[in-house]
Amino acid sequence: MTNTLIHLSSSPYSSLACKEGLDLALVLATFEQPVDLCFSGAALSLLYNHQQTTKEDGKHLYKLLDGLEFYDIDNIYIERDNELTKEVDIWPGTKALDQKDWYALFSQYQHVFRF
């Protein structure tokens, strides 16, 4: 059983929740705690390639994605059949799960945090 799953579902541009979830993942990984990420809902917009955000959008969180491998955060999951990921250029580091595996994902962890 893997230790921690951080489920990001909040918009990275309307609140600090998504940033706080990523910060928690980085802190856990810094202390060599196994952590995986999954994205759904409005948080999927963080994974869109070719973002052109403005100062009003806040910090460019999508720039953190390429650095996740240095923290040994290798498992980043999305739901394969989600309408928000169809016909969109998504960051290539994700693993798409079908609906059955997506729902089973949450029972495989000791701790699940949702932001």
N, C-alpha and C. Protein backbone atom coordinates (compact mmCIF):
# COMPACT_ATOMS: atom_id res chain seq x y z
N MET A 1 0.84 -1.18 0.00
CA MET A 1 0.00 0.00 0.00
C MET A 1 0.89 1.24 0.00
N THR A 2 0.64 2.13 -0.95
CA THR A 2 1.40 3.36 -1.05
C THR A 2 0.90 4.33 0.00
N ASN A 3 1.77 5.21 0.48
CA ASN A 3 1.42 6.08 1.59
C ASN A 3 0.43 7.18 1.27
N THR A 4 0.76 8.11 0.38
CA THR A 4 -0.03 9.33 0.25
C THR A 4 -0.40 9.62 -1.20
N LEU A 5 -1.67 9.97 -1.38
CA LEU A 5 -2.18 10.45 -2.66
C LEU A 5 -2.71 11.85 -2.43
N ILE A 6 -2.28 12.78 -3.26
CA ILE A 6 -2.81 14.14 -3.20
C ILE A 6 -3.66 14.34 -4.44
N HIS A 7 -4.95 14.57 -4.20
CA HIS A 7 -5.94 14.73 -5.26
C HIS A 7 -6.20 16.23 -5.44
N LEU A 8 -5.80 16.76 -6.57
CA LEU A 8 -6.00 18.17 -6.87
C LEU A 8 -7.23 18.31 -7.76
N SER A 9 -8.21 19.07 -7.27
CA SER A 9 -9.44 19.27 -8.04
C SER A 9 -9.85 20.74 -8.13
N SER A 10 -9.13 21.62 -7.44
CA SER A 10 -9.45 23.05 -7.44
C SER A 10 -8.70 23.77 -8.56
N SER A 11 -9.25 24.85 -9.02
CA SER A 11 -8.60 25.64 -10.06
C SER A 11 -7.29 26.23 -9.54
N PRO A 12 -6.23 26.12 -10.31
CA PRO A 12 -4.97 26.72 -9.88
C PRO A 12 -4.97 28.24 -9.99
N TYR A 13 -6.03 28.82 -10.56
CA TYR A 13 -6.06 30.26 -10.80
C TYR A 13 -7.10 31.00 -9.97
N SER A 14 -7.93 30.28 -9.22
CA SER A 14 -8.97 30.98 -8.45
C SER A 14 -8.78 30.91 -6.94
N SER A 15 -7.89 30.03 -6.48
CA SER A 15 -7.63 29.93 -5.04
C SER A 15 -6.23 29.38 -4.83
N LEU A 16 -5.84 29.30 -3.58
CA LEU A 16 -4.51 28.77 -3.25
C LEU A 16 -4.53 27.26 -2.99
N ALA A 17 -5.68 26.63 -3.09
CA ALA A 17 -5.79 25.22 -2.75
C ALA A 17 -4.86 24.34 -3.59
N CYS A 18 -4.81 24.57 -4.87
CA CYS A 18 -3.97 23.76 -5.75
C CYS A 18 -2.49 23.95 -5.40
N LYS A 19 -2.10 25.18 -5.15
CA LYS A 19 -0.71 25.47 -4.76
C LYS A 19 -0.37 24.78 -3.44
N GLU A 20 -1.31 24.81 -2.49
CA GLU A 20 -1.07 24.16 -1.21
C GLU A 20 -0.93 22.66 -1.36
N GLY A 21 -1.70 22.06 -2.25
CA GLY A 21 -1.58 20.63 -2.51
C GLY A 21 -0.22 20.28 -3.11
N LEU A 22 0.22 21.08 -4.06
CA LEU A 22 1.56 20.85 -4.65
C LEU A 22 2.66 21.08 -3.62
N ASP A 23 2.49 22.08 -2.79
CA ASP A 23 3.48 22.33 -1.72
C ASP A 23 3.57 21.14 -0.78
N LEU A 24 2.42 20.58 -0.41
CA LEU A 24 2.41 19.41 0.47
C LEU A 24 3.13 18.24 -0.19
N ALA A 25 2.88 18.03 -1.47
CA ALA A 25 3.56 16.94 -2.19
C ALA A 25 5.07 17.13 -2.18
N LEU A 26 5.52 18.35 -2.41
CA LEU A 26 6.96 18.61 -2.43
C LEU A 26 7.58 18.44 -1.05
N VAL A 27 6.88 18.86 -0.02
CA VAL A 27 7.40 18.70 1.35
C VAL A 27 7.51 17.22 1.71
N LEU A 28 6.46 16.46 1.42
CA LEU A 28 6.51 15.02 1.72
C LEU A 28 7.64 14.35 0.95
N ALA A 29 7.78 14.68 -0.31
CA ALA A 29 8.84 14.07 -1.12
C ALA A 29 10.22 14.50 -0.66
N THR A 30 10.36 15.72 -0.18
CA THR A 30 11.65 16.18 0.34
C THR A 30 12.11 15.31 1.50
N PHE A 31 11.15 14.85 2.30
CA PHE A 31 11.47 13.99 3.43
C PHE A 31 11.30 12.51 3.08
N GLU A 32 11.44 12.21 1.78
CA GLU A 32 11.46 10.85 1.25
C GLU A 32 10.22 10.04 1.59
N GLN A 33 9.08 10.71 1.66
CA GLN A 33 7.80 10.04 1.84
C GLN A 33 7.20 9.79 0.47
N PRO A 34 6.79 8.57 0.16
CA PRO A 34 6.20 8.30 -1.14
C PRO A 34 4.90 9.08 -1.33
N VAL A 35 4.80 9.78 -2.44
CA VAL A 35 3.61 10.58 -2.72
C VAL A 35 3.29 10.51 -4.21
N ASP A 36 2.01 10.39 -4.50
CA ASP A 36 1.52 10.41 -5.88
C ASP A 36 0.49 11.53 -5.99
N LEU A 37 0.26 11.99 -7.22
CA LEU A 37 -0.70 13.06 -7.48
C LEU A 37 -1.77 12.56 -8.43
N CYS A 38 -2.99 13.09 -8.28
CA CYS A 38 -4.01 12.88 -9.29
C CYS A 38 -4.76 14.20 -9.49
N PHE A 39 -5.17 14.43 -10.71
CA PHE A 39 -5.82 15.67 -11.10
C PHE A 39 -7.21 15.38 -11.63
N SER A 40 -8.18 16.22 -11.23
CA SER A 40 -9.53 16.13 -11.77
C SER A 40 -10.15 17.52 -11.74
N GLY A 41 -11.28 17.65 -12.40
CA GLY A 41 -12.01 18.91 -12.37
C GLY A 41 -11.20 20.09 -12.86
N ALA A 42 -11.35 21.22 -12.20
CA ALA A 42 -10.69 22.46 -12.62
C ALA A 42 -9.17 22.38 -12.53
N ALA A 43 -8.64 21.50 -11.70
CA ALA A 43 -7.18 21.38 -11.57
C ALA A 43 -6.53 20.84 -12.83
N LEU A 44 -7.29 20.21 -13.69
CA LEU A 44 -6.74 19.71 -14.94
C LEU A 44 -6.17 20.84 -15.80
N SER A 45 -6.66 22.04 -15.62
CA SER A 45 -6.14 23.16 -16.41
C SER A 45 -4.67 23.43 -16.12
N LEU A 46 -4.18 22.98 -14.99
CA LEU A 46 -2.76 23.12 -14.67
C LEU A 46 -1.90 22.28 -15.61
N LEU A 47 -2.47 21.23 -16.17
CA LEU A 47 -1.72 20.31 -17.02
C LEU A 47 -1.73 20.70 -18.49
N TYR A 48 -2.47 21.73 -18.85
CA TYR A 48 -2.54 22.14 -20.26
C TYR A 48 -1.21 22.73 -20.70
N ASN A 49 -0.70 22.26 -21.81
CA ASN A 49 0.54 22.82 -22.38
C ASN A 49 0.25 24.18 -23.01
N HIS A 50 1.29 24.95 -23.21
CA HIS A 50 1.22 26.25 -23.88
C HIS A 50 0.33 27.25 -23.15
N GLN A 51 0.45 27.28 -21.83
CA GLN A 51 -0.33 28.24 -21.05
C GLN A 51 0.26 29.63 -21.20
N GLN A 52 -0.62 30.60 -21.24
CA GLN A 52 -0.20 31.99 -21.31
C GLN A 52 -0.94 32.74 -20.20
N THR A 53 -0.44 32.60 -18.99
CA THR A 53 -1.10 33.21 -17.85
C THR A 53 -0.65 34.66 -17.69
N THR A 54 -1.44 35.40 -16.95
CA THR A 54 -1.14 36.80 -16.67
C THR A 54 -0.79 36.96 -15.20
N LYS A 55 -0.36 38.16 -14.83
CA LYS A 55 -0.05 38.42 -13.42
C LYS A 55 -1.27 38.20 -12.53
N GLU A 56 -2.44 38.49 -13.05
CA GLU A 56 -3.67 38.32 -12.28
C GLU A 56 -3.94 36.84 -11.97
N ASP A 57 -3.41 35.95 -12.79
CA ASP A 57 -3.61 34.52 -12.58
C ASP A 57 -2.78 33.99 -11.41
N GLY A 58 -1.79 34.75 -10.97
CA GLY A 58 -0.95 34.31 -9.87
C GLY A 58 0.29 33.57 -10.34
N LYS A 59 0.88 32.83 -9.42
CA LYS A 59 2.11 32.10 -9.70
C LYS A 59 1.90 31.05 -10.80
N HIS A 60 2.89 30.87 -11.62
CA HIS A 60 2.82 29.91 -12.72
C HIS A 60 3.11 28.50 -12.19
N LEU A 61 2.10 27.87 -11.64
CA LEU A 61 2.28 26.56 -11.01
C LEU A 61 2.65 25.48 -12.01
N TYR A 62 2.24 25.64 -13.26
CA TYR A 62 2.55 24.60 -14.25
C TYR A 62 4.06 24.44 -14.44
N LYS A 63 4.84 25.45 -14.07
CA LYS A 63 6.30 25.35 -14.19
C LYS A 63 6.87 24.34 -13.20
N LEU A 64 6.13 24.00 -12.16
CA LEU A 64 6.58 23.01 -11.18
C LEU A 64 6.53 21.59 -11.72
N LEU A 65 5.72 21.37 -12.73
CA LEU A 65 5.50 20.01 -13.21
C LEU A 65 6.77 19.32 -13.67
N ASP A 66 7.60 20.03 -14.40
CA ASP A 66 8.84 19.41 -14.91
C ASP A 66 9.82 19.09 -13.79
N GLY A 67 9.69 19.73 -12.65
CA GLY A 67 10.59 19.47 -11.53
C GLY A 67 10.15 18.35 -10.62
N LEU A 68 8.96 17.80 -10.85
CA LEU A 68 8.46 16.74 -9.97
C LEU A 68 9.34 15.50 -9.99
N GLU A 69 9.95 15.22 -11.12
CA GLU A 69 10.80 14.03 -11.21
C GLU A 69 12.01 14.13 -10.28
N PHE A 70 12.48 15.33 -9.99
CA PHE A 70 13.62 15.50 -9.08
C PHE A 70 13.24 15.20 -7.64
N TYR A 71 11.94 15.20 -7.36
CA TYR A 71 11.43 14.85 -6.03
C TYR A 71 10.93 13.41 -5.99
N ASP A 72 11.18 12.67 -7.04
CA ASP A 72 10.72 11.28 -7.18
C ASP A 72 9.20 11.17 -7.13
N ILE A 73 8.52 12.19 -7.65
CA ILE A 73 7.07 12.13 -7.81
C ILE A 73 6.83 11.74 -9.26
N ASP A 74 6.65 10.45 -9.48
CA ASP A 74 6.56 9.92 -10.84
C ASP A 74 5.15 9.55 -11.25
N ASN A 75 4.27 9.32 -10.29
CA ASN A 75 2.90 8.89 -10.60
C ASN A 75 1.95 10.08 -10.54
N ILE A 76 1.54 10.53 -11.70
CA ILE A 76 0.61 11.65 -11.82
C ILE A 76 -0.54 11.15 -12.68
N TYR A 77 -1.70 11.00 -12.05
CA TYR A 77 -2.83 10.35 -12.70
C TYR A 77 -3.91 11.34 -13.12
N ILE A 78 -4.56 11.01 -14.25
CA ILE A 78 -5.76 11.71 -14.69
C ILE A 78 -6.76 10.65 -15.13
N GLU A 79 -8.02 11.03 -15.19
CA GLU A 79 -9.04 10.12 -15.67
C GLU A 79 -9.08 10.17 -17.20
N ARG A 80 -8.96 9.05 -17.85
CA ARG A 80 -8.83 8.97 -19.30
C ARG A 80 -10.03 9.57 -20.03
N ASP A 81 -11.21 9.31 -19.58
CA ASP A 81 -12.41 9.71 -20.31
C ASP A 81 -12.99 11.04 -19.85
N ASN A 82 -12.20 11.86 -19.23
CA ASN A 82 -12.67 13.16 -18.75
C ASN A 82 -12.79 14.13 -19.92
N GLU A 83 -13.90 14.83 -20.00
CA GLU A 83 -14.15 15.79 -21.08
C GLU A 83 -13.12 16.92 -21.10
N LEU A 84 -12.57 17.27 -19.95
CA LEU A 84 -11.61 18.38 -19.87
C LEU A 84 -10.23 18.03 -20.45
N THR A 85 -10.00 16.74 -20.71
CA THR A 85 -8.70 16.34 -21.26
C THR A 85 -8.78 15.91 -22.72
N LYS A 86 -9.97 15.86 -23.27
CA LYS A 86 -10.11 15.47 -24.67
C LYS A 86 -9.78 16.65 -25.57
N GLU A 87 -9.08 16.36 -26.64
CA GLU A 87 -8.73 17.37 -27.65
C GLU A 87 -7.93 18.54 -27.07
N VAL A 88 -7.19 18.27 -26.01
CA VAL A 88 -6.34 19.30 -25.39
C VAL A 88 -4.94 18.72 -25.27
N ASP A 89 -3.95 19.56 -25.47
CA ASP A 89 -2.55 19.15 -25.34
C ASP A 89 -2.19 19.12 -23.86
N ILE A 90 -2.11 17.91 -23.30
CA ILE A 90 -1.86 17.70 -21.86
C ILE A 90 -0.38 17.42 -21.62
N TRP A 91 0.13 17.90 -20.49
CA TRP A 91 1.52 17.64 -20.09
C TRP A 91 1.78 16.13 -20.17
N PRO A 92 2.90 15.72 -20.79
CA PRO A 92 3.13 14.30 -21.08
C PRO A 92 3.47 13.42 -19.88
N GLY A 93 3.67 13.97 -18.70
CA GLY A 93 4.06 13.15 -17.56
C GLY A 93 2.92 12.46 -16.84
N THR A 94 1.71 12.51 -17.41
CA THR A 94 0.55 11.93 -16.73
C THR A 94 0.30 10.49 -17.17
N LYS A 95 -0.42 9.78 -16.33
CA LYS A 95 -0.86 8.43 -16.64
C LYS A 95 -2.38 8.44 -16.62
N ALA A 96 -2.99 8.15 -17.75
CA ALA A 96 -4.45 8.17 -17.86
C ALA A 96 -5.02 6.83 -17.41
N LEU A 97 -6.00 6.88 -16.52
CA LEU A 97 -6.64 5.69 -16.00
C LEU A 97 -8.08 5.61 -16.50
N ASP A 98 -8.52 4.38 -16.80
CA ASP A 98 -9.93 4.25 -17.16
C ASP A 98 -10.78 4.42 -15.89
N GLN A 99 -12.08 4.49 -16.05
CA GLN A 99 -12.95 4.83 -14.93
C GLN A 99 -12.85 3.83 -13.78
N LYS A 100 -12.75 2.55 -14.09
CA LYS A 100 -12.65 1.52 -13.06
C LYS A 100 -11.37 1.70 -12.24
N ASP A 101 -10.24 1.89 -12.92
CA ASP A 101 -8.96 2.07 -12.22
C ASP A 101 -8.92 3.39 -11.46
N TRP A 102 -9.60 4.42 -12.02
CA TRP A 102 -9.64 5.73 -11.35
C TRP A 102 -10.30 5.60 -9.97
N TYR A 103 -11.43 4.92 -9.91
CA TYR A 103 -12.13 4.78 -8.63
C TYR A 103 -11.39 3.85 -7.68
N ALA A 104 -10.71 2.85 -8.22
CA ALA A 104 -9.93 1.93 -7.38
C ALA A 104 -8.68 2.61 -6.82
N LEU A 105 -8.21 3.63 -7.50
CA LEU A 105 -6.99 4.34 -7.10
C LEU A 105 -7.05 4.82 -5.66
N PHE A 106 -8.18 5.38 -5.26
CA PHE A 106 -8.30 6.02 -3.96
C PHE A 106 -8.25 5.04 -2.79
N SER A 107 -8.54 3.78 -3.03
CA SER A 107 -8.50 2.80 -1.95
C SER A 107 -7.11 2.19 -1.76
N GLN A 108 -6.16 2.57 -2.59
CA GLN A 108 -4.82 1.99 -2.52
C GLN A 108 -3.86 2.76 -1.62
N TYR A 109 -4.34 3.84 -0.99
CA TYR A 109 -3.46 4.71 -0.23
C TYR A 109 -3.86 4.78 1.23
N GLN A 110 -2.86 4.93 2.09
CA GLN A 110 -3.12 5.12 3.51
C GLN A 110 -3.69 6.50 3.79
N HIS A 111 -3.21 7.50 3.06
CA HIS A 111 -3.63 8.89 3.26
C HIS A 111 -4.01 9.49 1.90
N VAL A 112 -5.18 10.14 1.86
CA VAL A 112 -5.62 10.85 0.66
C VAL A 112 -5.98 12.28 1.08
N PHE A 113 -5.33 13.25 0.46
CA PHE A 113 -5.62 14.67 0.70
C PHE A 113 -6.22 15.24 -0.56
N ARG A 114 -7.29 16.00 -0.39
CA ARG A 114 -7.93 16.61 -1.55
C ARG A 114 -7.87 18.13 -1.43
N PHE A 115 -7.38 18.75 -2.49
CA PHE A 115 -7.28 20.20 -2.53
C PHE A 115 -8.05 20.73 -3.72
